[in-house]
Amino acid sequence: MKHVTPAHFPKPRGYSHGIIAEGRVLFVSGQIGWDKDALKQGDQVLVTGGRAKNGSFNLRAAYVQLRDGRKLLTSPPPEN
């Protein structure tokens, strides 16, 4: 099994962009990785989610959308 990361993608931490397994099968995660360097102070983002399960006005984020349109999924995503 070989982990694959395209040259222009960020270095993955705790996940793989893709995996090549026996028989030349490629599994793609379909996720954009992010870490402490993904957002800089002053970056504008759109956070989408729902109200917390306990009824408070805290947001349970489903994803963060960057200004360039990329969506960074939360883990685990909130239930509907």
N, C-alpha and C. Protein backbone atom coordinates (compact mmCIF):
# COMPACT_ATOMS: atom_id res chain seq x y z
N MET A 1 0.85 -1.17 0.00
CA MET A 1 0.00 0.00 0.00
C MET A 1 0.90 1.24 0.00
N LYS A 2 0.57 2.22 -0.85
CA LYS A 2 1.37 3.43 -0.96
C LYS A 2 0.46 4.65 -0.80
N HIS A 3 0.85 5.55 0.09
CA HIS A 3 0.11 6.79 0.28
C HIS A 3 0.53 7.78 -0.78
N VAL A 4 -0.44 8.51 -1.37
CA VAL A 4 -0.17 9.42 -2.47
C VAL A 4 -0.62 10.83 -2.10
N THR A 5 0.26 11.80 -2.29
CA THR A 5 -0.06 13.21 -2.08
C THR A 5 0.40 14.01 -3.29
N PRO A 6 -0.53 14.63 -4.03
CA PRO A 6 -0.12 15.48 -5.15
C PRO A 6 0.80 16.60 -4.66
N ALA A 7 1.74 17.01 -5.51
CA ALA A 7 2.75 17.99 -5.13
C ALA A 7 2.16 19.31 -4.63
N HIS A 8 1.02 19.74 -5.18
CA HIS A 8 0.44 21.03 -4.81
C HIS A 8 -0.52 20.95 -3.62
N PHE A 9 -0.71 19.75 -3.03
CA PHE A 9 -1.58 19.59 -1.87
C PHE A 9 -0.79 19.79 -0.59
N PRO A 10 -1.47 20.21 0.50
CA PRO A 10 -0.77 20.32 1.79
C PRO A 10 -0.38 18.94 2.31
N LYS A 11 0.68 18.89 3.10
CA LYS A 11 1.13 17.62 3.68
C LYS A 11 0.04 17.10 4.63
N PRO A 12 -0.44 15.87 4.41
CA PRO A 12 -1.50 15.35 5.27
C PRO A 12 -0.99 14.97 6.66
N ARG A 13 -1.84 15.16 7.65
CA ARG A 13 -1.53 14.76 9.03
C ARG A 13 -2.74 14.00 9.56
N GLY A 14 -2.60 12.70 9.70
CA GLY A 14 -3.69 11.88 10.23
C GLY A 14 -4.66 11.38 9.18
N TYR A 15 -4.37 11.59 7.92
CA TYR A 15 -5.21 11.11 6.83
C TYR A 15 -4.33 10.97 5.59
N SER A 16 -4.88 10.46 4.50
CA SER A 16 -4.16 10.34 3.23
C SER A 16 -4.99 10.97 2.13
N HIS A 17 -4.34 11.70 1.22
CA HIS A 17 -5.06 12.22 0.06
C HIS A 17 -5.48 11.08 -0.84
N GLY A 18 -4.66 10.05 -0.94
CA GLY A 18 -4.99 8.89 -1.75
C GLY A 18 -4.11 7.71 -1.35
N ILE A 19 -4.55 6.52 -1.70
CA ILE A 19 -3.80 5.30 -1.40
C ILE A 19 -3.83 4.40 -2.62
N ILE A 20 -2.68 3.88 -3.00
CA ILE A 20 -2.61 2.86 -4.05
C ILE A 20 -2.38 1.53 -3.35
N ALA A 21 -3.27 0.57 -3.60
CA ALA A 21 -3.18 -0.73 -2.94
C ALA A 21 -2.87 -1.81 -3.98
N GLU A 22 -2.78 -3.05 -3.55
CA GLU A 22 -2.53 -4.18 -4.44
C GLU A 22 -3.51 -4.14 -5.61
N GLY A 23 -3.02 -4.48 -6.78
CA GLY A 23 -3.87 -4.47 -7.96
C GLY A 23 -4.01 -3.09 -8.57
N ARG A 24 -3.23 -2.14 -8.12
CA ARG A 24 -3.24 -0.77 -8.63
C ARG A 24 -4.59 -0.10 -8.46
N VAL A 25 -5.16 -0.20 -7.27
CA VAL A 25 -6.42 0.45 -6.94
C VAL A 25 -6.09 1.73 -6.18
N LEU A 26 -6.71 2.85 -6.58
CA LEU A 26 -6.49 4.13 -5.91
C LEU A 26 -7.73 4.50 -5.12
N PHE A 27 -7.58 4.72 -3.82
CA PHE A 27 -8.66 5.17 -2.96
C PHE A 27 -8.42 6.66 -2.68
N VAL A 28 -9.42 7.49 -2.93
CA VAL A 28 -9.28 8.93 -2.74
C VAL A 28 -10.19 9.37 -1.61
N SER A 29 -9.65 10.19 -0.70
CA SER A 29 -10.40 10.59 0.49
C SER A 29 -11.46 11.65 0.19
N GLY A 30 -11.21 12.52 -0.77
CA GLY A 30 -12.19 13.56 -1.09
C GLY A 30 -12.27 14.67 -0.06
N GLN A 31 -11.27 14.77 0.78
CA GLN A 31 -11.27 15.78 1.83
C GLN A 31 -10.09 16.71 1.66
N ILE A 32 -10.26 17.93 2.11
CA ILE A 32 -9.16 18.89 2.12
C ILE A 32 -8.59 18.90 3.53
N GLY A 33 -7.31 18.67 3.65
CA GLY A 33 -6.69 18.68 4.96
C GLY A 33 -6.45 20.10 5.43
N TRP A 34 -6.50 20.28 6.73
CA TRP A 34 -6.15 21.58 7.30
C TRP A 34 -5.49 21.37 8.63
N ASP A 35 -4.66 22.32 8.98
CA ASP A 35 -3.93 22.28 10.24
C ASP A 35 -3.84 23.70 10.78
N LYS A 36 -2.96 23.92 11.73
CA LYS A 36 -2.87 25.23 12.37
C LYS A 36 -2.47 26.34 11.40
N ASP A 37 -1.91 25.98 10.25
CA ASP A 37 -1.48 26.98 9.28
C ASP A 37 -2.52 27.23 8.18
N ALA A 38 -3.66 26.53 8.21
CA ALA A 38 -4.66 26.67 7.16
C ALA A 38 -5.32 28.04 7.18
N LEU A 39 -5.48 28.60 8.36
CA LEU A 39 -6.09 29.92 8.50
C LEU A 39 -5.09 30.87 9.13
N LYS A 40 -5.07 32.09 8.61
CA LYS A 40 -4.20 33.13 9.14
C LYS A 40 -5.07 34.18 9.83
N GLN A 41 -4.50 34.89 10.78
CA GLN A 41 -5.24 35.95 11.45
C GLN A 41 -5.73 36.94 10.40
N GLY A 42 -7.01 37.28 10.46
CA GLY A 42 -7.61 38.20 9.51
C GLY A 42 -8.28 37.53 8.32
N ASP A 43 -8.09 36.22 8.12
CA ASP A 43 -8.77 35.51 7.04
C ASP A 43 -10.27 35.56 7.26
N GLN A 44 -11.02 35.74 6.17
CA GLN A 44 -12.47 35.73 6.26
C GLN A 44 -12.97 34.34 5.88
N VAL A 45 -13.87 33.80 6.70
CA VAL A 45 -14.43 32.47 6.45
C VAL A 45 -15.93 32.51 6.70
N LEU A 46 -16.63 31.54 6.15
CA LEU A 46 -18.05 31.35 6.39
C LEU A 46 -18.20 30.03 7.14
N VAL A 47 -18.80 30.07 8.32
CA VAL A 47 -19.00 28.85 9.11
C VAL A 47 -20.47 28.48 9.04
N THR A 48 -20.75 27.23 8.62
CA THR A 48 -22.13 26.76 8.48
C THR A 48 -22.34 25.60 9.44
N GLY A 49 -23.48 25.58 10.10
CA GLY A 49 -23.76 24.51 11.04
C GLY A 49 -25.16 24.66 11.61
N GLY A 50 -25.36 24.07 12.75
CA GLY A 50 -26.65 24.13 13.42
C GLY A 50 -26.48 24.40 14.90
N ARG A 51 -27.58 24.65 15.54
CA ARG A 51 -27.58 24.93 16.96
C ARG A 51 -27.12 23.70 17.75
N ALA A 52 -26.43 23.92 18.83
CA ALA A 52 -25.91 22.83 19.66
C ALA A 52 -27.04 21.93 20.16
N LYS A 53 -26.74 20.65 20.36
CA LYS A 53 -27.74 19.68 20.84
C LYS A 53 -28.36 20.08 22.17
N ASN A 54 -27.56 20.77 23.03
CA ASN A 54 -28.07 21.11 24.35
C ASN A 54 -28.99 22.34 24.33
N GLY A 55 -29.29 22.88 23.15
CA GLY A 55 -30.21 24.00 23.02
C GLY A 55 -29.56 25.36 23.20
N SER A 56 -28.29 25.40 23.54
CA SER A 56 -27.61 26.68 23.69
C SER A 56 -27.41 27.31 22.30
N PHE A 57 -26.97 28.52 22.29
CA PHE A 57 -26.76 29.21 21.02
C PHE A 57 -25.34 29.02 20.48
N ASN A 58 -24.65 28.00 20.99
CA ASN A 58 -23.34 27.64 20.43
C ASN A 58 -23.56 26.95 19.09
N LEU A 59 -22.67 27.20 18.15
CA LEU A 59 -22.79 26.62 16.81
C LEU A 59 -22.08 25.28 16.75
N ARG A 60 -22.75 24.25 16.21
CA ARG A 60 -22.10 22.98 15.89
C ARG A 60 -21.75 23.07 14.42
N ALA A 61 -20.51 23.41 14.13
CA ALA A 61 -20.10 23.67 12.75
C ALA A 61 -20.16 22.41 11.89
N ALA A 62 -20.69 22.54 10.68
CA ALA A 62 -20.69 21.46 9.70
C ALA A 62 -19.47 21.61 8.81
N TYR A 63 -19.15 22.85 8.44
CA TYR A 63 -17.94 23.11 7.67
C TYR A 63 -17.57 24.57 7.76
N VAL A 64 -16.32 24.85 7.42
CA VAL A 64 -15.79 26.20 7.31
C VAL A 64 -15.45 26.40 5.84
N GLN A 65 -15.99 27.45 5.22
CA GLN A 65 -15.69 27.72 3.82
C GLN A 65 -14.71 28.88 3.74
N LEU A 66 -13.59 28.63 3.05
CA LEU A 66 -12.58 29.66 2.86
C LEU A 66 -13.02 30.62 1.77
N ARG A 67 -12.38 31.77 1.71
CA ARG A 67 -12.74 32.79 0.72
C ARG A 67 -12.63 32.27 -0.72
N ASP A 68 -11.69 31.34 -0.96
CA ASP A 68 -11.51 30.80 -2.32
C ASP A 68 -12.52 29.71 -2.66
N GLY A 69 -13.46 29.41 -1.74
CA GLY A 69 -14.52 28.44 -1.99
C GLY A 69 -14.28 27.05 -1.43
N ARG A 70 -13.03 26.75 -1.01
CA ARG A 70 -12.76 25.42 -0.44
C ARG A 70 -13.51 25.28 0.88
N LYS A 71 -14.05 24.08 1.12
CA LYS A 71 -14.76 23.79 2.36
C LYS A 71 -13.92 22.85 3.21
N LEU A 72 -13.75 23.22 4.45
CA LEU A 72 -13.02 22.40 5.42
C LEU A 72 -14.06 21.76 6.34
N LEU A 73 -14.21 20.45 6.23
CA LEU A 73 -15.22 19.73 7.00
C LEU A 73 -14.81 19.58 8.44
N THR A 74 -15.80 19.60 9.34
CA THR A 74 -15.52 19.37 10.74
C THR A 74 -15.49 17.87 10.99
N SER A 75 -14.97 17.47 12.12
CA SER A 75 -14.88 16.05 12.45
C SER A 75 -15.30 15.87 13.89
N PRO A 76 -16.32 15.10 14.19
CA PRO A 76 -17.28 14.55 13.24
C PRO A 76 -18.30 15.62 12.86
N PRO A 77 -18.92 15.51 11.67
CA PRO A 77 -19.92 16.50 11.29
C PRO A 77 -21.16 16.37 12.17
N PRO A 78 -21.87 17.46 12.41
CA PRO A 78 -23.07 17.39 13.24
C PRO A 78 -24.18 16.62 12.53
N GLU A 79 -25.05 16.00 13.33
CA GLU A 79 -26.19 15.31 12.74
C GLU A 79 -27.26 16.32 12.37
N ASN A 80 -28.17 15.94 11.47
CA ASN A 80 -29.27 16.82 11.07
C ASN A 80 -30.29 16.92 12.16
